[in-house]
Structures are given as structure tokens and as C-alpha cells.
Amino acid sequence: MINRELIRIKIVQLTYAYYQNGNRNIDNAEKELLFSLSKAYDMYNSLLALIVAITQEERLRVEIGIQRAKRENKPEPSLRFAYNKFAVQLEENKQLCEFIESQKITWKDDIEAVRKLCDQIEQSDMYQEYMAGDEPSYDDDRELWRKIYRRLIQDNDDLTATFEDKSLYWNDDKDIVDTFVLKTIKRFDPQNKSNQELLPEYKDEEDREFARRLFRATILNADEYQRYMSDASRNWDFNRLAYMDVVIMQIAIAEMLNFPNIPISVTINEYVDLAKLYSTPRSGAYINGMLDNIARYLIDNRKMMKPMPAPKNTDK
């Protein structure tokens, strides 16, 4: 689940924090990086557990509604949403249950947030249509939850605030983690029952090693990389750079030099996007030009053996 986009974001954050921290211990900083990445996986499981918590709250509401209907001799409420087939399969998922148990994940302390989401779901048109329609298939049940997630959970400011209260590490994680939750919902297959595989913490050991190696190379070779920046920027006003820009370019250089299988264009594009996100409004365009210049400098001076990407054809 932890992909290289998220790894790069965390390394930008942790490298900047490393230089702001007077006690510069790279071993401790690396542990902090890996812990921060593991917290993103906790968030992924917490969001899946939220679907289960909403389902369980809906069952309580149905049970209360059934008791009231019996007393008043009225029709009993439908069990359709409370026993949504996708949600039941997720609730029974062995991998999620084991993670919840081992990490003590619970929504009981945030039950008001769960109840508020239940209210929003029940008031939505998609819920009303689902409850009024024909008997839903498994695909219908799964699609309903995909819609609920996209419309009511993905960009929910109250829920984002709840997550920020739970962990400082989650401030910038939710947008990326949301995409993985939606991917997980789409992948669920009823034939897999409780053995449906969730996304692993890392796709493979190579991605975990990418995080560790990139971070260490960035810190340990800082003086060398900053010298490359200075040498390659003779036609640029290097003093105009914000400190975050320097950090981002330092990481980009580390990636270009230490990971021969990653094309230069991919590296430049990734860190230009991060500059737009974390630095000044003008940083993206400035860093794009700087990194292109630095890459050519590294190739010309035989410090990097990667080919430069061909210039983009701007002819119409």
C-alpha cells in the first residue's frame, strides 16, 4: 500500500524536520521515517474499520427500530443496509480483524463521528434509492459503499479533524490513503469470503529499501549534492531558493544518482509536484528548470550515466 509517492512525501517532511532539529541523529531520523510510513498503513486499516463501525451502528439502529415496531404494531425496518453483503464480508475479514486486534484500533472513542456519518448516509439520495430498490446483488452492495466512501468519507472535513486528533502523522496522508481504500473496495470478491487479501504494507521489500536508501543518501551526501546545485546553477539566482526548495532538490539529486532504474524525467516530475505542494507558488517552475540543469551537469561531468529525456515538442 505504501507506494513511492507516499515515500517521497514522507522523506521531504522528515528531511526538512531533520535539519530543523538541533539533535541530528540519522539513525533516530530513519526510525522516525519508517514509523511515519507505518502509521499510514494504520490509517488505511482504520478507514476500513470505519466501514465496519458504521455497519455495526446501523445494526443497533435497526434493532431499536424493530423493537419499536413490535410495540407499535408497525412494519419493521429493513435489514438491507445493516447487513450489506460487502460490509459483512469486510467485517469478517481475517486480515483486518487480526490487525484491529493487534493494533487496538477502535472507533468506540469516536462514536459520535460514526453516528454523524450514519445520519449523513441515511439522508443521502444514494441510500434512499438503495433501500427502495430491488433486492441488491453483491456488486450493488459493494458499489453502494464505493459511492458512500467517495461522497461522504473521502472529503469529509470533520473526519479529517478526527484523524488529526488521533495522530499527527496523518495530517498529509488521508488523500493518498483514500485512493487505496477505494481500490480495496473495488477488489473485494465474494468468493474469497473472509480470506480476501487486503493491500500489504509495502508492495515488496524493494519499496521499503527505497525509502531507507533515499533518506540516508539525502542526509549523508548533503554537502556534495548542494555543491552540485551551486555548480550547476551559475546562470540561476541560487539565493532566491526557499529552504524547502533546497531540501527537495537535494532529495531529487539523491534519487537521480542512487536509483539507476528510475528515469530522470520521472524524478524531476515527482519533485516538481512536491515543490508545488510544500513550497512557494513559484517553486514548481523554478525547480523544474534547476533540476533539468543539474541533471545535464551530472551527465556532462560523468557523475550520472542516465540518458536525458528528449526535449518536449511544443509545436502544434
C-alpha atoms as a PDB file:
ATOM      1  CA  MET A   1       0.000   0.000   0.000  1.00  0.00           C
ATOM      2  CA  ILE A   2       2.844   2.364   0.860  1.00  0.00           C
ATOM      3  CA  ASN A   3       3.898   3.472  -2.620  1.00  0.00           C
ATOM      4  CA  ARG A   4       6.766   5.650  -3.765  1.00  0.00           C
ATOM      5  CA  GLU A   5       4.618   8.761  -3.961  1.00  0.00           C
ATOM      6  CA  LEU A   6       3.903   8.497  -0.237  1.00  0.00           C
ATOM      7  CA  ILE A   7       7.542   7.584   0.488  1.00  0.00           C
ATOM      8  CA  ARG A   8       8.777  10.720  -1.288  1.00  0.00           C
ATOM      9  CA  ILE A   9       6.313  12.888   0.630  1.00  0.00           C
ATOM     10  CA  LYS A  10       7.471  11.457   3.954  1.00  0.00           C
ATOM     11  CA  ILE A  11      11.137  11.897   3.053  1.00  0.00           C
ATOM     12  CA  VAL A  12      10.555  15.551   2.176  1.00  0.00           C
ATOM     13  CA  GLN A  13       8.825  16.071   5.527  1.00  0.00           C
ATOM     14  CA  LEU A  14      11.382  14.138   7.587  1.00  0.00           C
ATOM     15  CA  THR A  15      14.429  15.624   5.830  1.00  0.00           C
ATOM     16  CA  TYR A  16      13.137  19.140   6.460  1.00  0.00           C
ATOM     17  CA  ALA A  17      12.430  18.230  10.099  1.00  0.00           C
ATOM     18  CA  TYR A  18      15.915  16.691  10.411  1.00  0.00           C
ATOM     19  CA  TYR A  19      17.555  19.995   9.546  1.00  0.00           C
ATOM     20  CA  GLN A  20      15.230  21.925  11.856  1.00  0.00           C
ATOM     21  CA  ASN A  21      16.071  19.600  14.743  1.00  0.00           C
ATOM     22  CA  GLY A  22      19.207  20.516  16.656  1.00  0.00           C
ATOM     23  CA  ASN A  23      19.870  16.874  17.602  1.00  0.00           C
ATOM     24  CA  ARG A  24      20.724  15.402  14.193  1.00  0.00           C
ATOM     25  CA  ASN A  25      20.857  11.654  14.698  1.00  0.00           C
ATOM     26  CA  ILE A  26      20.351   9.887  11.373  1.00  0.00           C
ATOM     27  CA  ASP A  27      19.535   6.513  12.950  1.00  0.00           C
ATOM     28  CA  ASN A  28      16.738   8.053  15.006  1.00  0.00           C
ATOM     29  CA  ALA A  29      15.553  10.027  11.974  1.00  0.00           C
ATOM     30  CA  GLU A  30      15.402   6.843   9.878  1.00  0.00           C
ATOM     31  CA  LYS A  31      13.358   5.108  12.580  1.00  0.00           C
ATOM     32  CA  GLU A  32      11.024   8.110  12.590  1.00  0.00           C
ATOM     33  CA  LEU A  33      10.641   7.842   8.803  1.00  0.00           C
ATOM     34  CA  LEU A  34       9.738   4.147   8.903  1.00  0.00           C
ATOM     35  CA  PHE A  35       7.402   4.711  11.847  1.00  0.00           C
ATOM     36  CA  SER A  36       5.687   7.540   9.972  1.00  0.00           C
ATOM     37  CA  LEU A  37       5.160   5.261   6.974  1.00  0.00           C
ATOM     38  CA  SER A  38       3.767   2.500   9.208  1.00  0.00           C
ATOM     39  CA  LYS A  39       1.235   4.985  10.603  1.00  0.00           C
ATOM     40  CA  ALA A  40      -0.101   5.494   7.069  1.00  0.00           C
ATOM     41  CA  TYR A  41      -0.838   1.770   6.985  1.00  0.00           C
ATOM     42  CA  ASP A  42      -2.587   2.097  10.337  1.00  0.00           C
ATOM     43  CA  MET A  43      -4.770   4.787   8.785  1.00  0.00           C
ATOM     44  CA  TYR A  44      -5.652   2.511   5.865  1.00  0.00           C
ATOM     45  CA  ASN A  45      -6.852  -0.164   8.273  1.00  0.00           C
ATOM     46  CA  SER A  46      -8.641   2.421  10.432  1.00  0.00           C
ATOM     47  CA  LEU A  47     -10.639   3.621   7.434  1.00  0.00           C
ATOM     48  CA  LEU A  48     -11.628   0.062   6.582  1.00  0.00           C
ATOM     49  CA  ALA A  49     -12.580  -0.407  10.239  1.00  0.00           C
ATOM     50  CA  LEU A  50     -14.734   2.730   9.954  1.00  0.00           C
ATOM     51  CA  ILE A  51     -16.923   0.964   7.381  1.00  0.00           C
ATOM     52  CA  VAL A  52     -17.358  -1.868   9.881  1.00  0.00           C
ATOM     53  CA  ALA A  53     -18.119   0.584  12.714  1.00  0.00           C
ATOM     54  CA  ILE A  54     -20.806   2.311  10.615  1.00  0.00           C
ATOM     55  CA  THR A  55     -22.330  -1.065   9.754  1.00  0.00           C
ATOM     56  CA  GLN A  56     -22.441  -2.096  13.409  1.00  0.00           C
ATOM     57  CA  GLU A  57     -24.025   1.203  14.411  1.00  0.00           C
ATOM     58  CA  GLU A  58     -26.660   0.722  11.718  1.00  0.00           C
ATOM     59  CA  ARG A  59     -27.462  -2.709  13.162  1.00  0.00           C
ATOM     60  CA  LEU A  60     -28.043  -1.171  16.574  1.00  0.00           C
ATOM     61  CA  ARG A  61     -30.425   1.327  14.997  1.00  0.00           C
ATOM     62  CA  VAL A  62     -32.290  -1.439  13.182  1.00  0.00           C
ATOM     63  CA  GLU A  63     -32.596  -3.493  16.363  1.00  0.00           C
ATOM     64  CA  ILE A  64     -34.057  -0.492  18.195  1.00  0.00           C
ATOM     65  CA  GLY A  65     -36.384   0.133  15.238  1.00  0.00           C
ATOM     66  CA  ILE A  66     -37.566  -3.482  15.269  1.00  0.00           C
ATOM     67  CA  GLN A  67     -38.379  -3.344  18.972  1.00  0.00           C
ATOM     68  CA  ARG A  68     -40.280  -0.079  18.490  1.00  0.00           C
ATOM     69  CA  ALA A  69     -42.186  -1.502  15.504  1.00  0.00           C
ATOM     70  CA  LYS A  70     -43.244  -4.534  17.524  1.00  0.00           C
ATOM     71  CA  ARG A  71     -44.515  -2.335  20.366  1.00  0.00           C
ATOM     72  CA  GLU A  72     -46.427  -0.065  17.998  1.00  0.00           C
ATOM     73  CA  ASN A  73     -47.569  -2.855  15.666  1.00  0.00           C
ATOM     74  CA  LYS A  74     -45.901  -1.217  12.657  1.00  0.00           C
ATOM     75  CA  PRO A  75     -43.776  -2.623   9.785  1.00  0.00           C
ATOM     76  CA  GLU A  76     -40.259  -3.496  10.838  1.00  0.00           C
ATOM     77  CA  PRO A  77     -37.317  -1.585   9.294  1.00  0.00           C
ATOM     78  CA  SER A  78     -35.299  -3.181   6.518  1.00  0.00           C
ATOM     79  CA  LEU A  79     -32.102  -5.090   7.335  1.00  0.00           C
ATOM     80  CA  ARG A  80     -30.697  -4.378   3.872  1.00  0.00           C
ATOM     81  CA  PHE A  81     -28.043  -1.790   4.694  1.00  0.00           C
ATOM     82  CA  ALA A  82     -27.222  -3.146   8.160  1.00  0.00           C
ATOM     83  CA  TYR A  83     -26.347  -6.465   6.539  1.00  0.00           C
ATOM     84  CA  ASN A  84     -24.881  -5.127   3.307  1.00  0.00           C
ATOM     85  CA  LYS A  85     -23.043  -8.113   1.822  1.00  0.00           C
ATOM     86  CA  PHE A  86     -19.798  -6.268   1.107  1.00  0.00           C
ATOM     87  CA  ALA A  87     -19.716  -4.728   4.606  1.00  0.00           C
ATOM     88  CA  VAL A  88     -20.368  -8.122   6.224  1.00  0.00           C
ATOM     89  CA  GLN A  89     -17.503  -9.669   4.256  1.00  0.00           C
ATOM     90  CA  LEU A  90     -15.215  -6.820   5.334  1.00  0.00           C
ATOM     91  CA  GLU A  91     -16.335  -7.207   8.946  1.00  0.00           C
ATOM     92  CA  GLU A  92     -15.388 -10.895   8.826  1.00  0.00           C
ATOM     93  CA  ASN A  93     -12.086 -10.334   7.012  1.00  0.00           C
ATOM     94  CA  LYS A  94      -9.385 -12.237   8.896  1.00  0.00           C
ATOM     95  CA  GLN A  95      -6.567  -9.882   7.957  1.00  0.00           C
ATOM     96  CA  LEU A  96      -8.468  -6.793   9.095  1.00  0.00           C
ATOM     97  CA  CYS A  97      -9.663  -8.475  12.298  1.00  0.00           C
ATOM     98  CA  GLU A  98      -6.104  -9.508  13.165  1.00  0.00           C
ATOM     99  CA  PHE A  99      -4.765  -6.014  12.501  1.00  0.00           C
ATOM    100  CA  ILE A 100      -7.526  -4.371  14.543  1.00  0.00           C
ATOM    101  CA  GLU A 101      -6.816  -6.719  17.427  1.00  0.00           C
ATOM    102  CA  SER A 102      -3.021  -6.369  17.319  1.00  0.00           C
ATOM    103  CA  GLN A 103      -3.015  -2.571  16.947  1.00  0.00           C
ATOM    104  CA  LYS A 104      -6.035  -1.973  19.216  1.00  0.00           C
ATOM    105  CA  ILE A 105      -7.866   0.001  16.514  1.00  0.00           C
ATOM    106  CA  THR A 106     -11.296   1.140  17.671  1.00  0.00           C
ATOM    107  CA  TRP A 107     -13.933   3.722  16.787  1.00  0.00           C
ATOM    108  CA  LYS A 108     -15.648   3.460  20.174  1.00  0.00           C
ATOM    109  CA  ASP A 109     -13.959   6.641  21.394  1.00  0.00           C
ATOM    110  CA  ASP A 110     -15.225   8.463  18.295  1.00  0.00           C
ATOM    111  CA  ILE A 111     -18.737   7.058  18.245  1.00  0.00           C
ATOM    112  CA  GLU A 112     -20.269  10.498  17.686  1.00  0.00           C
ATOM    113  CA  ALA A 113     -18.328  10.816  14.439  1.00  0.00           C
ATOM    114  CA  VAL A 114     -19.617   7.373  13.416  1.00  0.00           C
ATOM    115  CA  ARG A 115     -23.201   8.326  14.280  1.00  0.00           C
ATOM    116  CA  LYS A 116     -22.935  11.579  12.352  1.00  0.00           C
ATOM    117  CA  LEU A 117     -21.763   9.642   9.292  1.00  0.00           C
ATOM    118  CA  CYS A 118     -24.683   7.231   9.713  1.00  0.00           C
ATOM    119  CA  ASP A 119     -27.068  10.196   9.708  1.00  0.00           C
ATOM    120  CA  GLN A 120     -25.457  11.621   6.575  1.00  0.00           C
ATOM    121  CA  ILE A 121     -25.658   8.247   4.828  1.00  0.00           C
ATOM    122  CA  GLU A 122     -29.329   7.742   5.727  1.00  0.00           C
ATOM    123  CA  GLN A 123     -30.201  11.222   4.437  1.00  0.00           C
ATOM    124  CA  SER A 124     -28.421  10.725   1.101  1.00  0.00           C
ATOM    125  CA  ASP A 125     -30.168  10.026  -2.192  1.00  0.00           C
ATOM    126  CA  MET A 126     -27.955   7.007  -2.894  1.00  0.00           C
ATOM    127  CA  TYR A 127     -29.064   5.384   0.370  1.00  0.00           C
ATOM    128  CA  GLN A 128     -32.715   6.124  -0.285  1.00  0.00           C
ATOM    129  CA  GLU A 129     -32.511   4.647  -3.785  1.00  0.00           C
ATOM    130  CA  TYR A 130     -30.679   1.582  -2.480  1.00  0.00           C
ATOM    131  CA  MET A 131     -33.239   0.920   0.241  1.00  0.00           C
ATOM    132  CA  ALA A 132     -36.193   1.405  -2.116  1.00  0.00           C
ATOM    133  CA  GLY A 133     -34.837  -0.680  -4.999  1.00  0.00           C
ATOM    134  CA  ASP A 134     -34.973  -4.358  -5.835  1.00  0.00           C
ATOM    135  CA  GLU A 135     -33.035  -6.881  -3.764  1.00  0.00           C
ATOM    136  CA  PRO A 136     -29.399  -5.832  -4.338  1.00  0.00           C
ATOM    137  CA  SER A 137     -26.678  -8.126  -5.643  1.00  0.00           C
ATOM    138  CA  TYR A 138     -23.232  -8.307  -4.062  1.00  0.00           C
ATOM    139  CA  ASP A 139     -21.985  -5.934  -6.781  1.00  0.00           C
ATOM    140  CA  ASP A 140     -24.763  -3.470  -5.864  1.00  0.00           C
ATOM    141  CA  ASP A 141     -23.776  -3.642  -2.200  1.00  0.00           C
ATOM    142  CA  ARG A 142     -20.113  -3.097  -2.952  1.00  0.00           C
ATOM    143  CA  GLU A 143     -20.855  -0.238  -5.357  1.00  0.00           C
ATOM    144  CA  LEU A 144     -23.004   1.483  -2.738  1.00  0.00           C
ATOM    145  CA  TRP A 145     -20.084   1.538  -0.324  1.00  0.00           C
ATOM    146  CA  ARG A 146     -17.757   2.839  -3.006  1.00  0.00           C
ATOM    147  CA  LYS A 147     -20.174   5.736  -3.577  1.00  0.00           C
ATOM    148  CA  ILE A 148     -20.588   6.359   0.155  1.00  0.00           C
ATOM    149  CA  TYR A 149     -16.847   6.474   0.586  1.00  0.00           C
ATOM    150  CA  ARG A 150     -16.247   8.831  -2.316  1.00  0.00           C
ATOM    151  CA  ARG A 151     -19.070  11.236  -1.448  1.00  0.00           C
ATOM    152  CA  LEU A 152     -19.217  11.219   2.343  1.00  0.00           C
ATOM    153  CA  ILE A 153     -15.899   9.946   3.701  1.00  0.00           C
ATOM    154  CA  GLN A 154     -13.184  10.928   1.231  1.00  0.00           C
ATOM    155  CA  ASP A 155     -13.511  14.718   1.578  1.00  0.00           C
ATOM    156  CA  ASN A 156     -15.125  14.902   5.000  1.00  0.00           C
ATOM    157  CA  ASP A 157     -13.607  17.793   6.985  1.00  0.00           C
ATOM    158  CA  ASP A 158     -14.996  16.538  10.310  1.00  0.00           C
ATOM    159  CA  LEU A 159     -13.467  13.128   9.727  1.00  0.00           C
ATOM    160  CA  THR A 160     -10.138  14.661   8.723  1.00  0.00           C
ATOM    161  CA  ALA A 161     -10.118  16.597  12.008  1.00  0.00           C
ATOM    162  CA  THR A 162     -10.863  13.367  13.886  1.00  0.00           C
ATOM    163  CA  PHE A 163      -7.877  11.688  12.253  1.00  0.00           C
ATOM    164  CA  GLU A 164      -5.622  14.636  13.031  1.00  0.00           C
ATOM    165  CA  ASP A 165      -6.599  14.295  16.681  1.00  0.00           C
ATOM    166  CA  LYS A 166      -5.730  10.593  16.554  1.00  0.00           C
ATOM    167  CA  SER A 167      -2.242  11.040  15.072  1.00  0.00           C
ATOM    168  CA  LEU A 168      -0.033  13.933  13.984  1.00  0.00           C
ATOM    169  CA  TYR A 169       1.376  11.635  11.290  1.00  0.00           C
ATOM    170  CA  TRP A 170      -1.921  11.571   9.445  1.00  0.00           C
ATOM    171  CA  ASN A 171      -2.103  15.264   8.513  1.00  0.00           C
ATOM    172  CA  ASP A 172      -0.969  14.701   4.924  1.00  0.00           C
ATOM    173  CA  ASP A 173      -1.783  11.019   4.495  1.00  0.00           C
ATOM    174  CA  LYS A 174      -5.532  10.817   4.031  1.00  0.00           C
ATOM    175  CA  ASP A 175      -5.764  11.913   0.378  1.00  0.00           C
ATOM    176  CA  ILE A 176      -3.381   9.148  -0.688  1.00  0.00           C
ATOM    177  CA  VAL A 177      -4.745   6.533   1.718  1.00  0.00           C
ATOM    178  CA  ASP A 178      -8.291   7.217   0.460  1.00  0.00           C
ATOM    179  CA  THR A 179      -7.262   6.017  -3.003  1.00  0.00           C
ATOM    180  CA  PHE A 180      -6.061   2.723  -1.521  1.00  0.00           C
ATOM    181  CA  VAL A 181      -9.284   2.194   0.426  1.00  0.00           C
ATOM    182  CA  LEU A 182     -11.300   2.709  -2.762  1.00  0.00           C
ATOM    183  CA  LYS A 183      -9.000   0.310  -4.595  1.00  0.00           C
ATOM    184  CA  THR A 184      -9.552  -2.264  -1.834  1.00  0.00           C
ATOM    185  CA  ILE A 185     -13.351  -1.935  -2.018  1.00  0.00           C
ATOM    186  CA  LYS A 186     -13.230  -2.480  -5.786  1.00  0.00           C
ATOM    187  CA  ARG A 187     -11.053  -5.594  -5.410  1.00  0.00           C
ATOM    188  CA  PHE A 188     -13.337  -7.422  -2.971  1.00  0.00           C
ATOM    189  CA  ASP A 189     -14.686 -10.699  -4.343  1.00  0.00           C
ATOM    190  CA  PRO A 190     -17.444 -12.631  -2.529  1.00  0.00           C
ATOM    191  CA  GLN A 191     -15.804 -15.941  -3.460  1.00  0.00           C
ATOM    192  CA  ASN A 192     -12.846 -15.065  -1.230  1.00  0.00           C
ATOM    193  CA  LYS A 193     -15.127 -14.739   1.820  1.00  0.00           C
ATOM    194  CA  SER A 194     -13.107 -13.891   4.963  1.00  0.00           C
ATOM    195  CA  ASN A 195      -9.795 -14.647   3.237  1.00  0.00           C
ATOM    196  CA  GLN A 196      -9.961 -11.673   0.866  1.00  0.00           C
ATOM    197  CA  GLU A 197      -6.465 -10.156   0.753  1.00  0.00           C
ATOM    198  CA  LEU A 198      -6.081  -6.528   1.788  1.00  0.00           C
ATOM    199  CA  LEU A 199      -3.268  -4.408   0.433  1.00  0.00           C
ATOM    200  CA  PRO A 200       0.102  -5.235   2.049  1.00  0.00           C
ATOM    201  CA  GLU A 201       2.003  -2.550   3.964  1.00  0.00           C
ATOM    202  CA  TYR A 202       4.655  -2.480   1.209  1.00  0.00           C
ATOM    203  CA  LYS A 203       4.297  -3.897  -2.296  1.00  0.00           C
ATOM    204  CA  ASP A 204       7.665  -5.577  -1.773  1.00  0.00           C
ATOM    205  CA  GLU A 205      10.867  -5.240   0.220  1.00  0.00           C
ATOM    206  CA  GLU A 206      12.329  -3.119  -2.583  1.00  0.00           C
ATOM    207  CA  ASP A 207       9.986  -0.231  -1.759  1.00  0.00           C
ATOM    208  CA  ARG A 208      10.894  -0.333   1.929  1.00  0.00           C
ATOM    209  CA  GLU A 209      14.571  -0.344   0.949  1.00  0.00           C
ATOM    210  CA  PHE A 210      13.918   2.558  -1.445  1.00  0.00           C
ATOM    211  CA  ALA A 211      12.692   4.646   1.499  1.00  0.00           C
ATOM    212  CA  ARG A 212      15.661   3.818   3.685  1.00  0.00           C
ATOM    213  CA  ARG A 213      18.312   4.253   0.975  1.00  0.00           C
ATOM    214  CA  LEU A 214      16.890   7.504  -0.407  1.00  0.00           C
ATOM    215  CA  PHE A 215      16.672   9.096   3.026  1.00  0.00           C
ATOM    216  CA  ARG A 216      20.198   8.076   4.040  1.00  0.00           C
ATOM    217  CA  ALA A 217      21.722   9.169   0.726  1.00  0.00           C
ATOM    218  CA  THR A 218      19.996  12.553   1.037  1.00  0.00           C
ATOM    219  CA  ILE A 219      21.404  13.216   4.512  1.00  0.00           C
ATOM    220  CA  LEU A 220      24.850  11.620   4.254  1.00  0.00           C
ATOM    221  CA  ASN A 221      25.723  13.279   0.934  1.00  0.00           C
ATOM    222  CA  ALA A 222      24.137  16.656   1.642  1.00  0.00           C
ATOM    223  CA  ASP A 223      27.307  18.730   1.177  1.00  0.00           C
ATOM    224  CA  GLU A 224      28.148  17.021  -2.119  1.00  0.00           C
ATOM    225  CA  TYR A 225      24.635  17.419  -3.503  1.00  0.00           C
ATOM    226  CA  GLN A 226      24.427  21.070  -2.511  1.00  0.00           C
ATOM    227  CA  ARG A 227      27.740  21.650  -4.238  1.00  0.00           C
ATOM    228  CA  TYR A 228      26.259  20.162  -7.410  1.00  0.00           C
ATOM    229  CA  MET A 229      23.340  22.562  -7.049  1.00  0.00           C
ATOM    230  CA  SER A 230      25.704  25.505  -6.753  1.00  0.00           C
ATOM    231  CA  ASP A 231      27.956  24.421  -9.644  1.00  0.00           C
ATOM    232  CA  ALA A 232      25.023  23.723 -11.934  1.00  0.00           C
ATOM    233  CA  SER A 233      23.194  26.953 -11.161  1.00  0.00           C
ATOM    234  CA  ARG A 234      25.688  29.542 -12.309  1.00  0.00           C
ATOM    235  CA  ASN A 235      23.068  31.090 -14.572  1.00  0.00           C
ATOM    236  CA  TRP A 236      20.445  30.933 -11.855  1.00  0.00           C
ATOM    237  CA  ASP A 237      19.878  33.110  -8.814  1.00  0.00           C
ATOM    238  CA  PHE A 238      20.568  30.372  -6.274  1.00  0.00           C
ATOM    239  CA  ASN A 239      19.861  32.735  -3.375  1.00  0.00           C
ATOM    240  CA  ARG A 240      16.235  33.010  -4.477  1.00  0.00           C
ATOM    241  CA  LEU A 241      15.564  29.437  -3.404  1.00  0.00           C
ATOM    242  CA  ALA A 242      13.418  28.843  -0.341  1.00  0.00           C
ATOM    243  CA  TYR A 243      14.974  26.425   2.135  1.00  0.00           C
ATOM    244  CA  MET A 244      12.314  23.828   1.324  1.00  0.00           C
ATOM    245  CA  ASP A 245      13.350  24.093  -2.347  1.00  0.00           C
ATOM    246  CA  VAL A 246      16.923  23.203  -1.395  1.00  0.00           C
ATOM    247  CA  VAL A 247      15.704  20.190   0.579  1.00  0.00           C
ATOM    248  CA  ILE A 248      13.500  18.986  -2.288  1.00  0.00           C
ATOM    249  CA  MET A 249      16.300  19.325  -4.852  1.00  0.00           C
ATOM    250  CA  GLN A 250      18.738  17.581  -2.535  1.00  0.00           C
ATOM    251  CA  ILE A 251      16.384  14.574  -2.358  1.00  0.00           C
ATOM    252  CA  ALA A 252      15.845  14.661  -6.120  1.00  0.00           C
ATOM    253  CA  ILE A 253      19.607  14.550  -6.723  1.00  0.00           C
ATOM    254  CA  ALA A 254      19.912  11.632  -4.302  1.00  0.00           C
ATOM    255  CA  GLU A 255      17.255   9.764  -6.277  1.00  0.00           C
ATOM    256  CA  MET A 256      18.828  10.523  -9.646  1.00  0.00           C
ATOM    257  CA  LEU A 257      22.265   9.333  -8.533  1.00  0.00           C
ATOM    258  CA  ASN A 258      21.338   6.289  -6.449  1.00  0.00           C
ATOM    259  CA  PHE A 259      18.494   4.660  -8.387  1.00  0.00           C
ATOM    260  CA  PRO A 260      19.627   3.969 -11.961  1.00  0.00           C
ATOM    261  CA  ASN A 261      16.325   2.350 -12.957  1.00  0.00           C
ATOM    262  CA  ILE A 262      14.263   5.481 -12.274  1.00  0.00           C
ATOM    263  CA  PRO A 263      14.234   7.745 -15.363  1.00  0.00           C
ATOM    264  CA  ILE A 264      15.359  11.333 -14.896  1.00  0.00           C
ATOM    265  CA  SER A 265      12.027  12.643 -16.178  1.00  0.00           C
ATOM    266  CA  VAL A 266      10.121  10.656 -13.533  1.00  0.00           C
ATOM    267  CA  THR A 267      12.298  12.025 -10.736  1.00  0.00           C
ATOM    268  CA  ILE A 268      12.014  15.631 -11.942  1.00  0.00           C
ATOM    269  CA  ASN A 269       8.235  15.413 -12.337  1.00  0.00           C
ATOM    270  CA  GLU A 270       7.757  13.890  -8.888  1.00  0.00           C
ATOM    271  CA  TYR A 271       9.751  16.567  -7.086  1.00  0.00           C
ATOM    272  CA  VAL A 272       8.296  19.443  -9.104  1.00  0.00           C
ATOM    273  CA  ASP A 273       4.878  18.274  -7.875  1.00  0.00           C
ATOM    274  CA  LEU A 274       6.161  18.140  -4.294  1.00  0.00           C
ATOM    275  CA  ALA A 275       7.579  21.660  -4.617  1.00  0.00           C
ATOM    276  CA  LYS A 276       4.139  22.899  -5.697  1.00  0.00           C
ATOM    277  CA  LEU A 277       2.647  21.188  -2.660  1.00  0.00           C
ATOM    278  CA  TYR A 278       5.158  22.141   0.033  1.00  0.00           C
ATOM    279  CA  SER A 279       6.998  25.252  -1.093  1.00  0.00           C
ATOM    280  CA  THR A 280       6.190  28.604  -2.700  1.00  0.00           C
ATOM    281  CA  PRO A 281       3.771  29.104  -5.634  1.00  0.00           C
ATOM    282  CA  ARG A 282       6.707  29.755  -7.975  1.00  0.00           C
ATOM    283  CA  SER A 283       8.850  26.868  -6.762  1.00  0.00           C
ATOM    284  CA  GLY A 284       7.481  24.266  -9.184  1.00  0.00           C
ATOM    285  CA  ALA A 285       8.603  26.036 -12.349  1.00  0.00           C
ATOM    286  CA  TYR A 286      11.877  27.148 -10.783  1.00  0.00           C
ATOM    287  CA  ILE A 287      12.807  23.677  -9.530  1.00  0.00           C
ATOM    288  CA  ASN A 288      11.844  22.145 -12.866  1.00  0.00           C
ATOM    289  CA  GLY A 289      14.438  24.279 -14.616  1.00  0.00           C
ATOM    290  CA  MET A 290      17.030  23.807 -11.892  1.00  0.00           C
ATOM    291  CA  LEU A 291      16.737  20.014 -11.812  1.00  0.00           C
ATOM    292  CA  ASP A 292      16.956  19.817 -15.587  1.00  0.00           C
ATOM    293  CA  ASN A 293      20.124  21.894 -15.419  1.00  0.00           C
ATOM    294  CA  ILE A 294      21.561  19.798 -12.592  1.00  0.00           C
ATOM    295  CA  ALA A 295      20.830  16.536 -14.427  1.00  0.00           C
ATOM    296  CA  ARG A 296      22.710  17.805 -17.513  1.00  0.00           C
ATOM    297  CA  TYR A 297      25.603  18.896 -15.300  1.00  0.00           C
ATOM    298  CA  LEU A 298      25.804  15.448 -13.659  1.00  0.00           C
ATOM    299  CA  ILE A 299      25.788  13.712 -17.052  1.00  0.00           C
ATOM    300  CA  ASP A 300      28.343  16.078 -18.604  1.00  0.00           C
ATOM    301  CA  ASN A 301      30.665  15.534 -15.641  1.00  0.00           C
ATOM    302  CA  ARG A 302      30.203  11.746 -15.761  1.00  0.00           C
ATOM    303  CA  LYS A 303      28.673  11.597 -12.303  1.00  0.00           C
ATOM    304  CA  MET A 304      25.484  10.046 -13.697  1.00  0.00           C
ATOM    305  CA  MET A 305      25.107   7.622 -16.604  1.00  0.00           C
ATOM    306  CA  LYS A 306      21.378   8.005 -17.253  1.00  0.00           C
ATOM    307  CA  PRO A 307      20.159   9.431 -20.583  1.00  0.00           C
ATOM    308  CA  MET A 308      18.481  12.824 -20.551  1.00  0.00           C
ATOM    309  CA  PRO A 309      14.872  12.764 -21.748  1.00  0.00           C
ATOM    310  CA  ALA A 310      14.278  14.257 -25.172  1.00  0.00           C
ATOM    311  CA  PRO A 311      13.011  17.867 -25.101  1.00  0.00           C
ATOM    312  CA  LYS A 312       9.243  18.140 -25.306  1.00  0.00           C
ATOM    313  CA  ASN A 313       7.956  19.114 -28.756  1.00  0.00           C
ATOM    314  CA  THR A 314       5.938  22.277 -28.290  1.00  0.00           C
ATOM    315  CA  ASP A 315       4.972  22.572 -31.976  1.00  0.00           C
ATOM    316  CA  LYS A 316       1.242  22.448 -32.596  1.00  0.00           C
END
